[in-house]
């Protein structure tokens, strides 16, 4: 689930970035703003996934589950 979520987030962010680069140019202020926005969006998604993974590992450790089991 996390992999699919990250692929969707990164794909959408990159599509937005490419669209602005194609219409405004790589040296434009609009492109720089979109780059900052896209990277922030990706960073936020990664933080969410890492937080969820850490919580799951913590839960598994307290539930007596096998922490080596794959996280979805």
N, C-alpha and C. Protein backbone atom coordinates (compact mmCIF):
# COMPACT_ATOMS: atom_id res chain seq x y z
N UNK A 1 0.82 -1.19 0.00
CA UNK A 1 0.00 0.00 0.00
C UNK A 1 0.87 1.26 0.00
N UNK A 2 1.89 1.31 0.85
CA UNK A 2 2.74 2.48 0.91
C UNK A 2 3.48 2.71 -0.41
N UNK A 3 3.90 1.63 -1.05
CA UNK A 3 4.62 1.77 -2.31
C UNK A 3 3.72 2.41 -3.37
N UNK A 4 2.50 1.93 -3.46
CA UNK A 4 1.55 2.50 -4.42
C UNK A 4 1.25 3.96 -4.14
N UNK A 5 1.10 4.29 -2.86
CA UNK A 5 0.85 5.67 -2.45
C UNK A 5 2.02 6.57 -2.87
N UNK A 6 3.24 6.12 -2.58
CA UNK A 6 4.40 6.92 -2.94
C UNK A 6 4.54 7.08 -4.45
N UNK A 7 4.28 6.01 -5.19
CA UNK A 7 4.35 6.11 -6.65
C UNK A 7 3.34 7.13 -7.17
N UNK A 8 2.15 7.13 -6.61
CA UNK A 8 1.12 8.08 -7.03
C UNK A 8 1.52 9.50 -6.70
N UNK A 9 2.00 9.72 -5.49
CA UNK A 9 2.41 11.06 -5.06
C UNK A 9 3.56 11.58 -5.91
N UNK A 10 4.60 10.77 -6.07
CA UNK A 10 5.76 11.21 -6.84
C UNK A 10 5.36 11.42 -8.30
N UNK A 11 4.56 10.54 -8.85
CA UNK A 11 4.13 10.69 -10.24
C UNK A 11 3.35 11.98 -10.46
N UNK A 12 2.42 12.27 -9.57
CA UNK A 12 1.62 13.49 -9.70
C UNK A 12 2.49 14.73 -9.55
N UNK A 13 3.39 14.71 -8.58
CA UNK A 13 4.27 15.86 -8.37
C UNK A 13 5.17 16.09 -9.58
N UNK A 14 5.67 15.03 -10.14
CA UNK A 14 6.55 15.15 -11.30
C UNK A 14 5.78 15.62 -12.54
N UNK A 15 4.56 15.15 -12.70
CA UNK A 15 3.74 15.62 -13.83
C UNK A 15 3.51 17.12 -13.75
N UNK A 16 3.20 17.61 -12.55
CA UNK A 16 3.01 19.04 -12.36
C UNK A 16 4.29 19.80 -12.69
N UNK A 17 5.40 19.29 -12.25
CA UNK A 17 6.69 19.93 -12.48
C UNK A 17 7.03 19.97 -13.97
N UNK A 18 6.82 18.88 -14.66
CA UNK A 18 7.11 18.82 -16.10
C UNK A 18 6.20 19.79 -16.85
N UNK A 19 4.93 19.83 -16.48
CA UNK A 19 3.97 20.72 -17.15
C UNK A 19 4.41 22.19 -17.03
N UNK A 20 4.83 22.60 -15.83
CA UNK A 20 5.27 23.98 -15.64
C UNK A 20 6.57 24.24 -16.40
N UNK A 21 7.48 23.29 -16.39
CA UNK A 21 8.74 23.46 -17.13
C UNK A 21 8.48 23.62 -18.62
N UNK A 22 7.54 22.82 -19.14
CA UNK A 22 7.24 22.90 -20.57
C UNK A 22 6.54 24.20 -20.95
N UNK A 23 5.71 24.72 -20.07
CA UNK A 23 4.97 25.94 -20.40
C UNK A 23 5.69 27.22 -20.00
N UNK A 24 6.46 27.17 -18.92
CA UNK A 24 7.09 28.39 -18.42
C UNK A 24 8.60 28.42 -18.60
N UNK A 25 9.21 27.26 -18.76
CA UNK A 25 10.66 27.18 -18.92
C UNK A 25 11.34 26.83 -17.61
N UNK A 26 12.47 26.15 -17.74
CA UNK A 26 13.20 25.66 -16.57
C UNK A 26 13.82 26.79 -15.76
N UNK A 27 14.00 27.96 -16.34
CA UNK A 27 14.62 29.08 -15.64
C UNK A 27 13.60 30.06 -15.06
N UNK A 28 12.32 29.72 -15.16
CA UNK A 28 11.28 30.66 -14.71
C UNK A 28 11.04 30.58 -13.20
N UNK A 29 10.50 31.67 -12.68
CA UNK A 29 10.13 31.70 -11.27
C UNK A 29 9.00 30.70 -10.99
N UNK A 30 8.11 30.54 -11.95
CA UNK A 30 7.01 29.58 -11.79
C UNK A 30 7.54 28.16 -11.64
N UNK A 31 8.55 27.83 -12.41
CA UNK A 31 9.14 26.50 -12.31
C UNK A 31 9.81 26.31 -10.95
N UNK A 32 10.52 27.32 -10.48
CA UNK A 32 11.16 27.21 -9.17
C UNK A 32 10.13 27.03 -8.06
N UNK A 33 9.03 27.78 -8.14
CA UNK A 33 7.95 27.63 -7.15
C UNK A 33 7.36 26.22 -7.21
N UNK A 34 7.13 25.71 -8.43
CA UNK A 34 6.57 24.38 -8.56
C UNK A 34 7.54 23.32 -8.08
N UNK A 35 8.83 23.53 -8.33
CA UNK A 35 9.85 22.60 -7.84
C UNK A 35 9.80 22.54 -6.31
N UNK A 36 9.74 23.69 -5.68
CA UNK A 36 9.66 23.73 -4.22
C UNK A 36 8.38 23.05 -3.72
N UNK A 37 7.27 23.32 -4.39
CA UNK A 37 5.99 22.71 -4.01
C UNK A 37 6.02 21.20 -4.20
N UNK A 38 6.51 20.76 -5.36
CA UNK A 38 6.55 19.33 -5.65
C UNK A 38 7.44 18.58 -4.67
N UNK A 39 8.63 19.13 -4.41
CA UNK A 39 9.53 18.47 -3.47
C UNK A 39 8.96 18.46 -2.06
N UNK A 40 8.28 19.52 -1.67
CA UNK A 40 7.63 19.56 -0.37
C UNK A 40 6.52 18.52 -0.26
N UNK A 41 5.76 18.37 -1.33
CA UNK A 41 4.69 17.37 -1.37
C UNK A 41 5.26 15.97 -1.24
N UNK A 42 6.33 15.68 -1.98
CA UNK A 42 6.98 14.37 -1.91
C UNK A 42 7.56 14.14 -0.52
N UNK A 43 8.23 15.14 0.01
CA UNK A 43 8.82 15.03 1.34
C UNK A 43 7.75 14.73 2.40
N UNK A 44 6.63 15.42 2.31
CA UNK A 44 5.54 15.19 3.25
C UNK A 44 4.99 13.77 3.16
N UNK A 45 4.86 13.28 1.93
CA UNK A 45 4.36 11.91 1.74
C UNK A 45 5.34 10.89 2.31
N UNK A 46 6.62 11.13 2.10
CA UNK A 46 7.63 10.22 2.65
C UNK A 46 7.60 10.23 4.17
N UNK A 47 7.46 11.41 4.74
CA UNK A 47 7.39 11.51 6.20
C UNK A 47 6.17 10.75 6.73
N UNK A 48 5.03 10.88 6.04
CA UNK A 48 3.82 10.16 6.45
C UNK A 48 4.04 8.65 6.42
N UNK A 49 4.65 8.17 5.33
CA UNK A 49 4.88 6.73 5.19
C UNK A 49 5.87 6.24 6.25
N UNK A 50 6.93 6.99 6.46
CA UNK A 50 7.91 6.58 7.47
C UNK A 50 7.32 6.59 8.88
N UNK A 51 6.49 7.56 9.17
CA UNK A 51 5.82 7.62 10.47
C UNK A 51 4.90 6.42 10.64
N UNK A 52 4.14 6.10 9.60
CA UNK A 52 3.25 4.94 9.67
C UNK A 52 4.03 3.64 9.84
N UNK A 53 5.15 3.52 9.13
CA UNK A 53 5.98 2.32 9.24
C UNK A 53 6.56 2.20 10.64
N UNK A 54 7.02 3.31 11.20
CA UNK A 54 7.58 3.29 12.55
C UNK A 54 6.50 2.91 13.57
N UNK A 55 5.32 3.44 13.41
CA UNK A 55 4.21 3.09 14.31
C UNK A 55 3.86 1.62 14.21
N UNK A 56 3.86 1.10 12.98
CA UNK A 56 3.56 -0.32 12.77
C UNK A 56 4.62 -1.20 13.42
N UNK A 57 5.88 -0.83 13.25
CA UNK A 57 6.95 -1.60 13.88
C UNK A 57 6.84 -1.56 15.40
N UNK A 58 6.52 -0.40 15.92
CA UNK A 58 6.36 -0.26 17.37
C UNK A 58 5.18 -1.12 17.86
N UNK A 59 4.07 -1.08 17.11
CA UNK A 59 2.89 -1.88 17.48
C UNK A 59 3.22 -3.36 17.45
N UNK A 60 3.92 -3.79 16.41
CA UNK A 60 4.27 -5.20 16.29
C UNK A 60 5.19 -5.64 17.42
N UNK A 61 6.07 -4.77 17.83
CA UNK A 61 6.97 -5.09 18.93
C UNK A 61 6.22 -5.26 20.23
N UNK A 62 5.16 -4.50 20.43
CA UNK A 62 4.38 -4.60 21.66
C UNK A 62 3.33 -5.70 21.60
N UNK A 63 2.93 -6.09 20.40
CA UNK A 63 1.92 -7.14 20.24
C UNK A 63 2.53 -8.53 20.18
N UNK A 64 3.85 -8.60 20.19
CA UNK A 64 4.51 -9.89 20.10
C UNK A 64 4.56 -10.43 18.68
N UNK A 65 4.26 -9.58 17.71
CA UNK A 65 4.33 -10.00 16.30
C UNK A 65 5.78 -10.07 15.87
N UNK A 66 6.00 -10.76 14.79
CA UNK A 66 7.33 -10.87 14.23
C UNK A 66 7.67 -9.54 13.52
N UNK A 67 8.63 -8.75 14.04
CA UNK A 67 8.95 -7.46 13.42
C UNK A 67 9.60 -7.60 12.06
N UNK A 68 10.05 -8.79 11.70
CA UNK A 68 10.68 -8.99 10.40
C UNK A 68 9.64 -9.20 9.31
N UNK A 69 8.37 -9.37 9.70
CA UNK A 69 7.32 -9.57 8.71
C UNK A 69 7.18 -8.33 7.85
N UNK A 70 6.89 -8.52 6.56
CA UNK A 70 6.81 -7.42 5.62
C UNK A 70 5.69 -6.46 5.99
N UNK A 71 5.97 -5.18 5.85
CA UNK A 71 4.98 -4.13 6.11
C UNK A 71 4.29 -3.81 4.81
N UNK A 72 2.98 -3.78 4.80
CA UNK A 72 2.21 -3.45 3.59
C UNK A 72 2.18 -1.97 3.36
